[in-house]
N, C-alpha and C. Protein backbone atom coordinates (compact mmCIF):
# COMPACT_ATOMS: atom_id res chain seq x y z
N MET A 1 77.49 94.92 113.62
CA MET A 1 76.44 94.96 114.61
C MET A 1 76.61 96.24 115.43
N PRO A 2 75.71 97.19 115.29
CA PRO A 2 75.81 98.44 116.05
C PRO A 2 75.81 98.18 117.55
N GLY A 3 76.66 98.90 118.25
CA GLY A 3 76.72 98.80 119.69
C GLY A 3 77.47 97.61 120.23
N HIS A 4 77.97 96.75 119.37
CA HIS A 4 78.70 95.56 119.82
C HIS A 4 80.19 95.88 119.86
N HIS A 5 80.78 95.73 121.04
CA HIS A 5 82.20 96.01 121.21
C HIS A 5 82.99 94.71 121.21
N HIS A 6 84.15 94.75 120.59
CA HIS A 6 85.01 93.58 120.49
C HIS A 6 86.14 93.76 121.50
N GLY A 7 85.84 93.53 122.76
CA GLY A 7 86.74 93.85 123.86
C GLY A 7 87.99 93.00 123.97
N ASN A 8 88.07 91.87 123.30
CA ASN A 8 89.23 91.00 123.45
C ASN A 8 90.25 91.15 122.33
N ILE A 9 89.97 91.94 121.31
CA ILE A 9 90.88 92.07 120.18
C ILE A 9 91.96 93.07 120.52
N LYS A 10 93.23 92.62 120.45
CA LYS A 10 94.36 93.49 120.77
C LYS A 10 95.24 93.78 119.57
N ASP A 11 95.26 92.87 118.61
CA ASP A 11 96.16 93.01 117.47
C ASP A 11 95.42 92.58 116.21
N VAL A 12 95.38 93.47 115.19
CA VAL A 12 94.69 93.17 113.95
C VAL A 12 95.66 93.39 112.80
N THR A 13 95.71 92.43 111.87
CA THR A 13 96.50 92.56 110.66
C THR A 13 95.59 92.31 109.47
N ILE A 14 95.59 93.24 108.53
CA ILE A 14 94.83 93.07 107.29
C ILE A 14 95.84 93.02 106.15
N ILE A 15 95.89 91.89 105.48
CA ILE A 15 96.80 91.69 104.36
C ILE A 15 95.99 91.82 103.07
N GLY A 16 96.49 92.59 102.14
CA GLY A 16 95.78 92.81 100.90
C GLY A 16 94.75 93.93 101.03
N PHE A 17 95.05 94.94 101.86
CA PHE A 17 94.14 96.07 102.06
C PHE A 17 93.88 96.77 100.72
N ARG A 18 92.62 97.04 100.43
CA ARG A 18 92.22 97.70 99.18
C ARG A 18 91.49 99.00 99.48
N ALA A 19 91.35 99.83 98.46
CA ALA A 19 90.68 101.12 98.60
C ALA A 19 89.16 100.97 98.50
N ALA A 20 88.64 99.78 98.63
CA ALA A 20 87.20 99.54 98.55
C ALA A 20 86.51 100.13 99.78
N LYS A 21 85.32 100.68 99.57
CA LYS A 21 84.56 101.28 100.66
C LYS A 21 84.34 100.28 101.79
N SER A 22 84.04 99.03 101.46
CA SER A 22 83.79 98.02 102.49
C SER A 22 85.03 97.75 103.34
N MET A 23 86.22 97.78 102.73
CA MET A 23 87.46 97.54 103.46
C MET A 23 87.74 98.70 104.42
N VAL A 24 87.52 99.92 103.95
CA VAL A 24 87.72 101.10 104.79
C VAL A 24 86.71 101.08 105.94
N GLU A 25 85.45 100.76 105.64
CA GLU A 25 84.43 100.70 106.68
C GLU A 25 84.73 99.63 107.73
N LEU A 26 85.19 98.46 107.29
CA LEU A 26 85.55 97.40 108.23
C LEU A 26 86.68 97.86 109.15
N THR A 27 87.69 98.49 108.58
CA THR A 27 88.83 98.95 109.38
C THR A 27 88.39 100.01 110.38
N CYS A 28 87.57 100.94 109.95
CA CYS A 28 87.07 101.98 110.86
C CYS A 28 86.19 101.37 111.96
N HIS A 29 85.39 100.36 111.60
CA HIS A 29 84.56 99.67 112.60
C HIS A 29 85.45 99.02 113.66
N ILE A 30 86.51 98.39 113.23
CA ILE A 30 87.45 97.77 114.18
C ILE A 30 88.04 98.83 115.10
N LEU A 31 88.47 99.95 114.53
CA LEU A 31 89.06 101.02 115.34
C LEU A 31 88.06 101.58 116.36
N GLU A 32 86.82 101.66 116.00
CA GLU A 32 85.80 102.22 116.89
C GLU A 32 85.32 101.24 117.95
N ASN A 33 85.38 99.94 117.68
CA ASN A 33 84.74 98.96 118.55
C ASN A 33 85.66 97.96 119.23
N ALA A 34 86.92 97.91 118.85
CA ALA A 34 87.86 97.02 119.54
C ALA A 34 88.50 97.84 120.65
N THR A 35 87.88 97.81 121.81
CA THR A 35 88.23 98.72 122.89
C THR A 35 89.62 98.48 123.47
N LEU A 36 90.18 97.31 123.32
CA LEU A 36 91.52 97.02 123.84
C LEU A 36 92.57 96.93 122.74
N LEU A 37 92.24 97.39 121.55
CA LEU A 37 93.15 97.30 120.42
C LEU A 37 94.45 98.04 120.73
N GLU A 38 95.57 97.36 120.49
CA GLU A 38 96.89 97.94 120.72
C GLU A 38 97.64 98.20 119.43
N CYS A 39 97.41 97.35 118.41
CA CYS A 39 98.19 97.44 117.18
C CYS A 39 97.32 97.08 115.97
N LEU A 40 97.39 97.93 114.95
CA LEU A 40 96.71 97.69 113.68
C LEU A 40 97.76 97.71 112.58
N THR A 41 97.90 96.59 111.88
CA THR A 41 98.85 96.48 110.78
C THR A 41 98.08 96.35 109.49
N LEU A 42 98.38 97.25 108.55
CA LEU A 42 97.72 97.23 107.25
C LEU A 42 98.76 97.02 106.17
N ASP A 43 98.50 96.05 105.30
CA ASP A 43 99.42 95.70 104.22
C ASP A 43 98.63 95.71 102.92
N ALA A 44 98.98 96.62 102.01
CA ALA A 44 98.23 96.75 100.76
C ALA A 44 98.61 95.69 99.73
N VAL A 45 99.64 94.92 100.01
CA VAL A 45 100.07 93.87 99.09
C VAL A 45 99.81 92.51 99.72
N TYR A 46 99.23 91.61 98.95
CA TYR A 46 99.13 90.22 99.40
C TYR A 46 100.30 89.49 98.78
N ASP A 47 101.31 89.22 99.61
CA ASP A 47 102.54 88.61 99.08
C ASP A 47 102.94 87.36 99.86
N ASN A 48 101.95 86.66 100.36
CA ASN A 48 102.20 85.42 101.09
C ASN A 48 103.08 85.61 102.31
N GLY A 49 103.00 86.77 102.95
CA GLY A 49 103.63 86.97 104.23
C GLY A 49 105.11 87.27 104.23
N ILE A 50 105.65 87.88 103.19
CA ILE A 50 107.06 88.29 103.24
C ILE A 50 107.21 89.23 104.43
N GLU A 51 108.18 88.97 105.28
CA GLU A 51 108.28 89.69 106.54
C GLU A 51 109.22 90.88 106.54
N GLU A 52 109.87 91.20 105.45
CA GLU A 52 110.82 92.30 105.44
C GLU A 52 110.11 93.60 105.76
N ALA A 53 110.61 94.31 106.76
CA ALA A 53 109.93 95.50 107.27
C ALA A 53 109.81 96.60 106.22
N ASP A 54 110.84 96.80 105.43
CA ASP A 54 110.79 97.87 104.45
C ASP A 54 110.54 97.36 103.04
N ARG A 55 110.34 96.07 102.90
CA ARG A 55 110.07 95.42 101.62
C ARG A 55 111.11 95.75 100.57
N SER A 56 112.37 95.79 100.98
CA SER A 56 113.41 95.93 99.97
C SER A 56 113.50 94.60 99.23
N CYS A 57 114.07 94.63 98.06
CA CYS A 57 114.14 93.39 97.27
C CYS A 57 114.83 92.30 98.08
N VAL A 58 114.34 91.09 97.95
CA VAL A 58 114.74 90.06 98.91
C VAL A 58 115.48 88.87 98.34
N ASN A 59 115.54 88.70 97.04
CA ASN A 59 116.26 87.52 96.56
C ASN A 59 117.39 87.92 95.62
N LYS A 60 118.15 86.96 95.17
CA LYS A 60 119.36 87.23 94.39
C LYS A 60 119.09 87.96 93.08
N SER A 61 117.92 87.83 92.52
CA SER A 61 117.61 88.51 91.26
C SER A 61 117.12 89.94 91.51
N TYR A 62 117.13 90.36 92.78
CA TYR A 62 116.67 91.69 93.17
C TYR A 62 115.22 91.95 92.76
N LYS A 63 114.41 90.94 92.88
CA LYS A 63 112.98 91.06 92.66
C LYS A 63 112.28 90.59 93.92
N CYS A 64 111.20 91.24 94.26
CA CYS A 64 110.42 90.76 95.39
C CYS A 64 109.88 89.38 95.06
N SER A 65 109.81 88.56 96.03
CA SER A 65 109.33 87.21 95.81
C SER A 65 108.14 86.99 96.72
N PRO A 66 107.00 86.56 96.22
CA PRO A 66 106.69 86.32 94.83
C PRO A 66 106.37 87.62 94.10
N LEU A 67 106.57 87.61 92.81
CA LEU A 67 106.30 88.80 92.02
C LEU A 67 104.79 89.01 91.91
N ILE A 68 104.40 90.27 91.85
CA ILE A 68 102.99 90.57 91.67
C ILE A 68 102.85 91.38 90.39
N GLY A 69 101.69 91.33 89.80
CA GLY A 69 101.46 92.00 88.54
C GLY A 69 101.25 93.49 88.68
N LYS A 70 101.28 94.18 87.55
CA LYS A 70 101.11 95.64 87.52
C LYS A 70 99.76 96.07 88.07
N ARG A 71 98.73 95.29 87.78
CA ARG A 71 97.40 95.62 88.29
C ARG A 71 97.37 95.58 89.82
N MET A 72 98.00 94.56 90.39
CA MET A 72 98.04 94.46 91.85
C MET A 72 98.88 95.58 92.45
N ILE A 73 99.94 95.99 91.77
CA ILE A 73 100.75 97.10 92.25
C ILE A 73 99.91 98.38 92.27
N ALA A 74 99.13 98.60 91.21
CA ALA A 74 98.26 99.78 91.15
C ALA A 74 97.23 99.75 92.28
N GLN A 75 96.65 98.58 92.55
CA GLN A 75 95.68 98.44 93.64
C GLN A 75 96.34 98.70 94.99
N ALA A 76 97.58 98.26 95.14
CA ALA A 76 98.29 98.48 96.40
C ALA A 76 98.53 99.98 96.62
N HIS A 77 98.89 100.70 95.58
CA HIS A 77 99.08 102.14 95.71
C HIS A 77 97.77 102.83 96.09
N LYS A 78 96.66 102.41 95.51
CA LYS A 78 95.36 102.96 95.86
C LYS A 78 95.01 102.63 97.31
N GLY A 79 95.36 101.42 97.74
CA GLY A 79 95.12 101.02 99.13
C GLY A 79 95.89 101.89 100.10
N LEU A 80 97.14 102.18 99.79
CA LEU A 80 97.94 103.06 100.65
C LEU A 80 97.35 104.46 100.69
N TRP A 81 96.87 104.93 99.53
CA TRP A 81 96.22 106.24 99.50
C TRP A 81 94.98 106.25 100.42
N ALA A 82 94.17 105.19 100.35
CA ALA A 82 92.96 105.10 101.17
C ALA A 82 93.29 105.06 102.66
N ILE A 83 94.37 104.39 103.01
CA ILE A 83 94.79 104.36 104.42
C ILE A 83 95.09 105.78 104.90
N GLY A 84 95.86 106.51 104.10
CA GLY A 84 96.19 107.88 104.47
C GLY A 84 95.00 108.81 104.49
N ARG A 85 94.07 108.60 103.58
CA ARG A 85 92.92 109.50 103.43
C ARG A 85 91.81 109.22 104.42
N TYR A 86 91.50 107.94 104.67
CA TYR A 86 90.31 107.59 105.43
C TYR A 86 90.55 106.89 106.76
N VAL A 87 91.73 106.30 106.96
CA VAL A 87 91.94 105.48 108.16
C VAL A 87 92.88 106.15 109.16
N ALA A 88 94.00 106.66 108.69
CA ALA A 88 95.07 107.12 109.59
C ALA A 88 94.59 108.12 110.63
N ASP A 89 93.72 109.04 110.25
CA ASP A 89 93.27 110.06 111.21
C ASP A 89 92.24 109.53 112.21
N LYS A 90 91.77 108.31 112.02
CA LYS A 90 90.81 107.71 112.94
C LYS A 90 91.48 106.78 113.97
N VAL A 91 92.78 106.62 113.87
CA VAL A 91 93.50 105.72 114.78
C VAL A 91 93.70 106.44 116.11
N PRO A 92 93.18 105.87 117.20
CA PRO A 92 93.37 106.50 118.51
C PRO A 92 94.86 106.53 118.90
N SER A 93 95.21 107.44 119.77
CA SER A 93 96.61 107.58 120.20
C SER A 93 97.10 106.34 120.94
N THR A 94 96.20 105.54 121.45
CA THR A 94 96.57 104.32 122.18
C THR A 94 96.85 103.14 121.27
N VAL A 95 96.61 103.29 119.97
CA VAL A 95 96.79 102.21 119.00
C VAL A 95 97.98 102.52 118.11
N LYS A 96 98.86 101.54 117.97
CA LYS A 96 100.00 101.68 117.07
C LYS A 96 99.56 101.26 115.67
N LEU A 97 99.73 102.16 114.70
CA LEU A 97 99.40 101.87 113.32
C LEU A 97 100.68 101.52 112.56
N ASN A 98 100.72 100.33 111.99
CA ASN A 98 101.82 99.89 111.14
C ASN A 98 101.28 99.76 109.72
N VAL A 99 101.87 100.50 108.79
CA VAL A 99 101.49 100.39 107.39
C VAL A 99 102.71 99.86 106.66
N LYS A 100 102.60 98.64 106.13
CA LYS A 100 103.73 98.06 105.41
C LYS A 100 103.94 98.81 104.11
N LYS A 101 105.15 99.23 103.88
CA LYS A 101 105.50 99.98 102.68
C LYS A 101 105.73 99.04 101.51
N LEU A 102 105.63 99.61 100.32
CA LEU A 102 105.91 98.84 99.11
C LEU A 102 107.41 98.87 98.83
N CYS A 103 107.88 97.88 98.09
CA CYS A 103 109.28 97.83 97.70
C CYS A 103 109.55 98.99 96.73
N GLU A 104 110.57 99.76 97.00
CA GLU A 104 110.90 100.92 96.17
C GLU A 104 111.43 100.52 94.79
N ARG A 105 111.84 99.28 94.62
CA ARG A 105 112.35 98.81 93.33
C ARG A 105 111.29 98.09 92.51
N CYS A 106 110.54 97.22 93.15
CA CYS A 106 109.64 96.34 92.42
C CYS A 106 108.20 96.81 92.37
N HIS A 107 107.79 97.66 93.28
CA HIS A 107 106.39 98.05 93.36
C HIS A 107 106.18 99.49 92.92
N VAL A 108 106.96 99.97 91.98
CA VAL A 108 106.81 101.33 91.49
C VAL A 108 105.76 101.36 90.39
N MET A 109 105.12 102.51 90.26
CA MET A 109 104.16 102.70 89.17
C MET A 109 104.93 103.17 87.94
N GLU A 110 104.69 102.55 86.82
CA GLU A 110 105.39 102.94 85.59
C GLU A 110 104.53 103.80 84.71
């Protein structure tokens, strides 16, 4: 809705961020219209909320849990690229941007 400001939103988390135009547009809309936004967290992987900050391998088999497929890993890499290309430079200095990183062992492109 043009001209509509979301004045009460302070913290936004998007899990499963993709490089889709609609996802980038939604994120930019939030940045432009959530006037009290303090923190934006973007996570390119949908992994049921694993909380490890650096996403290092988390279980005894040294695999991220739950495991995700190669296609989802590729989409996550594209999502991270889109964040850097289209979103990061639009984040105001008053907003903290958190981008969850991929696991360096399990989420590599082969």
